[in-house]
Amino acid sequence: MPIAPRRFSGHIPQAGTSGIAPRPLLLAGVVLVALSGAFLIGLAVVGLIAAAVSGFDLVRRRVWRLARPLGVVTAR
């Protein structure tokens, strides 16, 4: 019985021999992921600062109303 040749017995291309260089694409992907991550972190920080400022403003308004003496009349 004759031995049949392998179906894919041809030359196997080595990594990095294709026309597209993998390292620059990988570097560009890492840079894009880092930039988008930094943007999301910055957005979260801005949101926390806005929440803190509005919280302090709300507390200041409530405490100022409670801390006024009852006999003092303010012009509105």
C-alpha atoms as a PDB file:
ATOM      1  CA  MET A   1       0.000   0.000   0.000  1.00  0.00           C
ATOM      2  CA  PRO A   2       1.551   3.284  -1.052  1.00  0.00           C
ATOM      3  CA  ILE A   3       1.911   6.096   1.487  1.00  0.00           C
ATOM      4  CA  ALA A   4      -0.194   9.093   0.536  1.00  0.00           C
ATOM      5  CA  PRO A   5       1.556  12.450   0.765  1.00  0.00           C
ATOM      6  CA  ARG A   6       0.379  14.865   3.412  1.00  0.00           C
ATOM      7  CA  ARG A   7      -2.195  17.324   2.295  1.00  0.00           C
ATOM      8  CA  PHE A   8      -0.433  20.389   3.723  1.00  0.00           C
ATOM      9  CA  SER A   9       3.159  19.348   3.255  1.00  0.00           C
ATOM     10  CA  GLY A  10       4.131  22.620   1.593  1.00  0.00           C
ATOM     11  CA  HIS A  11       6.268  25.408   3.005  1.00  0.00           C
ATOM     12  CA  ILE A  12       4.947  26.838   6.284  1.00  0.00           C
ATOM     13  CA  PRO A  13       5.451  30.619   6.405  1.00  0.00           C
ATOM     14  CA  GLN A  14       7.392  31.910   9.349  1.00  0.00           C
ATOM     15  CA  ALA A  15       6.027  34.589  11.677  1.00  0.00           C
ATOM     16  CA  GLY A  16       6.898  38.112  10.634  1.00  0.00           C
ATOM     17  CA  THR A  17       7.367  37.358   6.943  1.00  0.00           C
ATOM     18  CA  SER A  18       3.993  38.731   5.900  1.00  0.00           C
ATOM     19  CA  GLY A  19       3.558  42.228   4.487  1.00  0.00           C
ATOM     20  CA  ILE A  20       1.957  43.565   7.682  1.00  0.00           C
ATOM     21  CA  ALA A  21       4.403  44.198  10.481  1.00  0.00           C
ATOM     22  CA  PRO A  22       2.874  43.013  13.771  1.00  0.00           C
ATOM     23  CA  ARG A  23       4.952  45.151  16.113  1.00  0.00           C
ATOM     24  CA  PRO A  24       3.786  48.597  14.922  1.00  0.00           C
ATOM     25  CA  LEU A  25       0.169  47.423  14.949  1.00  0.00           C
ATOM     26  CA  LEU A  26       0.605  46.022  18.432  1.00  0.00           C
ATOM     27  CA  LEU A  27       2.223  49.269  19.578  1.00  0.00           C
ATOM     28  CA  ALA A  28      -0.581  51.334  18.048  1.00  0.00           C
ATOM     29  CA  GLY A  29      -3.159  49.128  19.790  1.00  0.00           C
ATOM     30  CA  VAL A  30      -1.441  49.495  23.152  1.00  0.00           C
ATOM     31  CA  VAL A  31      -1.248  53.277  22.705  1.00  0.00           C
ATOM     32  CA  LEU A  32      -4.957  53.475  21.833  1.00  0.00           C
ATOM     33  CA  VAL A  33      -5.920  51.345  24.832  1.00  0.00           C
ATOM     34  CA  ALA A  34      -3.754  53.486  27.115  1.00  0.00           C
ATOM     35  CA  LEU A  35      -5.247  56.727  25.784  1.00  0.00           C
ATOM     36  CA  SER A  36      -8.817  55.518  26.113  1.00  0.00           C
ATOM     37  CA  GLY A  37      -8.101  54.262  29.630  1.00  0.00           C
ATOM     38  CA  ALA A  38      -6.572  57.599  30.585  1.00  0.00           C
ATOM     39  CA  PHE A  39      -9.588  59.413  29.144  1.00  0.00           C
ATOM     40  CA  LEU A  40     -12.002  57.274  31.170  1.00  0.00           C
ATOM     41  CA  ILE A  41      -9.988  57.777  34.352  1.00  0.00           C
ATOM     42  CA  GLY A  42      -9.958  61.550  33.741  1.00  0.00           C
ATOM     43  CA  LEU A  43     -13.696  61.529  33.127  1.00  0.00           C
ATOM     44  CA  ALA A  44     -14.262  59.674  36.389  1.00  0.00           C
ATOM     45  CA  VAL A  45     -12.068  62.156  38.286  1.00  0.00           C
ATOM     46  CA  VAL A  46     -13.977  65.106  36.822  1.00  0.00           C
ATOM     47  CA  GLY A  47     -17.260  63.447  37.830  1.00  0.00           C
ATOM     48  CA  LEU A  48     -16.033  62.892  41.386  1.00  0.00           C
ATOM     49  CA  ILE A  49     -14.866  66.498  41.671  1.00  0.00           C
ATOM     50  CA  ALA A  50     -18.233  67.754  40.370  1.00  0.00           C
ATOM     51  CA  ALA A  51     -20.091  65.544  42.860  1.00  0.00           C
ATOM     52  CA  ALA A  52     -17.892  66.765  45.723  1.00  0.00           C
ATOM     53  CA  VAL A  53     -18.367  70.432  44.809  1.00  0.00           C
ATOM     54  CA  SER A  54     -22.129  70.079  44.499  1.00  0.00           C
ATOM     55  CA  GLY A  55     -22.269  68.116  47.758  1.00  0.00           C
ATOM     56  CA  PHE A  56     -20.308  70.773  49.619  1.00  0.00           C
ATOM     57  CA  ASP A  57     -22.517  73.472  48.131  1.00  0.00           C
ATOM     58  CA  LEU A  58     -25.649  71.620  49.210  1.00  0.00           C
ATOM     59  CA  VAL A  59     -24.291  71.105  52.723  1.00  0.00           C
ATOM     60  CA  ARG A  60     -23.235  74.753  52.929  1.00  0.00           C
ATOM     61  CA  ARG A  61     -26.729  75.914  51.975  1.00  0.00           C
ATOM     62  CA  ARG A  62     -28.425  73.635  54.504  1.00  0.00           C
ATOM     63  CA  VAL A  63     -26.026  74.449  57.331  1.00  0.00           C
ATOM     64  CA  TRP A  64     -26.216  78.188  56.613  1.00  0.00           C
ATOM     65  CA  ARG A  65     -30.025  78.112  56.885  1.00  0.00           C
ATOM     66  CA  LEU A  66     -29.939  76.116  60.107  1.00  0.00           C
ATOM     67  CA  ALA A  67     -27.186  78.207  61.664  1.00  0.00           C
ATOM     68  CA  ARG A  68     -28.964  81.591  61.271  1.00  0.00           C
ATOM     69  CA  PRO A  69     -30.490  83.043  64.379  1.00  0.00           C
ATOM     70  CA  LEU A  70     -34.265  83.173  64.357  1.00  0.00           C
ATOM     71  CA  GLY A  71     -34.484  86.933  65.001  1.00  0.00           C
ATOM     72  CA  VAL A  72     -32.398  87.928  61.971  1.00  0.00           C
ATOM     73  CA  VAL A  73     -34.380  88.917  58.889  1.00  0.00           C
ATOM     74  CA  THR A  74     -32.611  88.917  55.564  1.00  0.00           C
ATOM     75  CA  ALA A  75     -33.758  90.884  52.530  1.00  0.00           C
ATOM     76  CA  ARG A  76     -34.526  88.718  49.519  1.00  0.00           C
END
